[in-house]
Amino acid sequence: MDIKYFAKLARIKLTSGEEKKFSNDLGEVLGHFKQLQEIDTNGVPPMAGGTELRNVFREDEPRQSRLERTGIEQFPEAESDFLKVPKVFE
């Protein structure tokens, strides 16, 4: 693998030590892919995803929150259902 070419494409500068290290690392990764290509996958059905799980949807219905009023009585100032805070900008 020509790491210098990839480094040029990525517009990064590598030292000679980094070039050697990344070249070895890339060679190992490609070696793993070579091993995967040797596996016999005949008779294995293709997958569209990694799981058979499906999302369960429910109707979006409004409901009362248990925590809706919690803490409002402890806040220094409140008006209706809103908490009043000091101005951030003048």
Protein backbone atom coordinates (compact mmCIF):
# COMPACT_ATOMS: atom_id res chain seq x y z
CA MET A 1 0.00 0.00 0.00
CA ASP A 2 1.21 3.45 -0.81
CA ILE A 3 0.57 5.36 2.41
CA LYS A 4 2.25 8.45 0.96
CA TYR A 5 -0.50 8.63 -1.68
CA PHE A 6 -3.27 8.39 0.93
CA ALA A 7 -1.57 10.96 3.14
CA LYS A 8 -1.38 13.32 0.16
CA LEU A 9 -5.09 12.82 -0.55
CA ALA A 10 -5.89 13.56 3.10
CA ARG A 11 -3.48 16.50 3.05
CA ILE A 12 -1.57 15.32 6.10
CA LYS A 13 2.16 15.08 6.60
CA LEU A 14 3.60 11.89 8.04
CA THR A 15 7.03 11.18 9.38
CA SER A 16 8.84 8.15 7.98
CA GLY A 17 8.06 6.28 11.22
CA GLU A 18 4.37 7.06 10.88
CA GLU A 19 4.39 5.98 7.23
CA LYS A 20 5.90 2.62 8.19
CA LYS A 21 3.48 2.12 11.11
CA PHE A 22 0.37 3.02 9.08
CA SER A 23 1.53 0.87 6.19
CA ASN A 24 1.88 -2.12 8.54
CA ASP A 25 -1.50 -1.38 10.17
CA LEU A 26 -3.26 -1.13 6.80
CA GLY A 27 -1.62 -4.37 5.68
CA GLU A 28 -2.98 -6.14 8.77
CA VAL A 29 -6.50 -4.80 8.19
CA LEU A 30 -6.44 -5.94 4.56
CA GLY A 31 -5.13 -9.32 5.73
CA HIS A 32 -8.23 -9.72 7.91
CA PHE A 33 -10.43 -9.01 4.88
CA LYS A 34 -8.52 -11.66 2.94
CA GLN A 35 -9.33 -14.17 5.70
CA LEU A 36 -13.02 -13.22 5.54
CA GLN A 37 -13.07 -13.82 1.78
CA GLU A 38 -11.91 -17.41 2.36
CA ILE A 39 -15.02 -18.26 4.43
CA ASP A 40 -17.59 -20.42 2.62
CA THR A 41 -20.87 -18.50 2.70
CA ASN A 42 -22.81 -20.72 0.29
CA GLY A 43 -26.25 -21.42 1.70
CA VAL A 44 -26.16 -18.45 4.08
CA PRO A 45 -29.13 -16.15 3.36
CA PRO A 46 -28.25 -12.47 2.86
CA MET A 47 -29.15 -10.04 5.62
CA ALA A 48 -30.56 -6.54 5.28
CA GLY A 49 -29.57 -5.60 8.82
CA GLY A 50 -27.94 -6.93 11.95
CA THR A 51 -31.10 -7.85 13.82
CA GLU A 52 -34.61 -9.18 13.39
CA LEU A 53 -36.04 -6.68 15.89
CA ARG A 54 -38.76 -4.32 14.71
CA ASN A 55 -39.78 -0.94 16.12
CA VAL A 56 -43.10 -0.84 17.97
CA PHE A 57 -45.12 2.30 17.41
CA ARG A 58 -47.95 3.63 19.55
CA GLU A 59 -50.37 6.46 19.07
CA ASP A 60 -49.08 9.84 20.25
CA GLU A 61 -51.61 10.79 22.91
CA PRO A 62 -51.32 13.62 25.45
CA ARG A 63 -51.14 12.49 29.06
CA GLN A 64 -50.63 14.06 32.45
CA SER A 65 -47.05 14.11 33.69
CA ARG A 66 -46.38 13.04 37.26
CA LEU A 67 -43.69 15.72 37.58
CA GLU A 68 -45.56 18.57 35.94
CA ARG A 69 -45.88 20.76 39.06
CA THR A 70 -42.87 19.41 40.97
CA GLY A 71 -40.44 22.16 41.94
CA ILE A 72 -42.53 25.14 40.81
CA GLU A 73 -43.46 25.94 44.41
CA GLN A 74 -39.77 26.01 45.33
CA PHE A 75 -38.80 28.41 42.53
CA PRO A 76 -38.41 32.07 43.59
CA GLU A 77 -40.86 33.47 41.02
CA ALA A 78 -43.47 31.82 38.84
CA GLU A 79 -46.32 33.09 36.73
CA SER A 80 -49.00 30.67 35.53
CA ASP A 81 -47.07 27.56 34.53
CA PHE A 82 -43.87 29.48 33.67
CA LEU A 83 -40.80 30.06 35.82
CA LYS A 84 -39.50 33.64 35.91
CA VAL A 85 -35.74 34.03 35.65
CA PRO A 86 -33.48 37.09 35.68
CA LYS A 87 -32.87 38.82 32.35
CA VAL A 88 -29.85 37.63 30.44
CA PHE A 89 -29.74 40.53 27.97
CA GLU A 90 -30.72 44.14 28.55
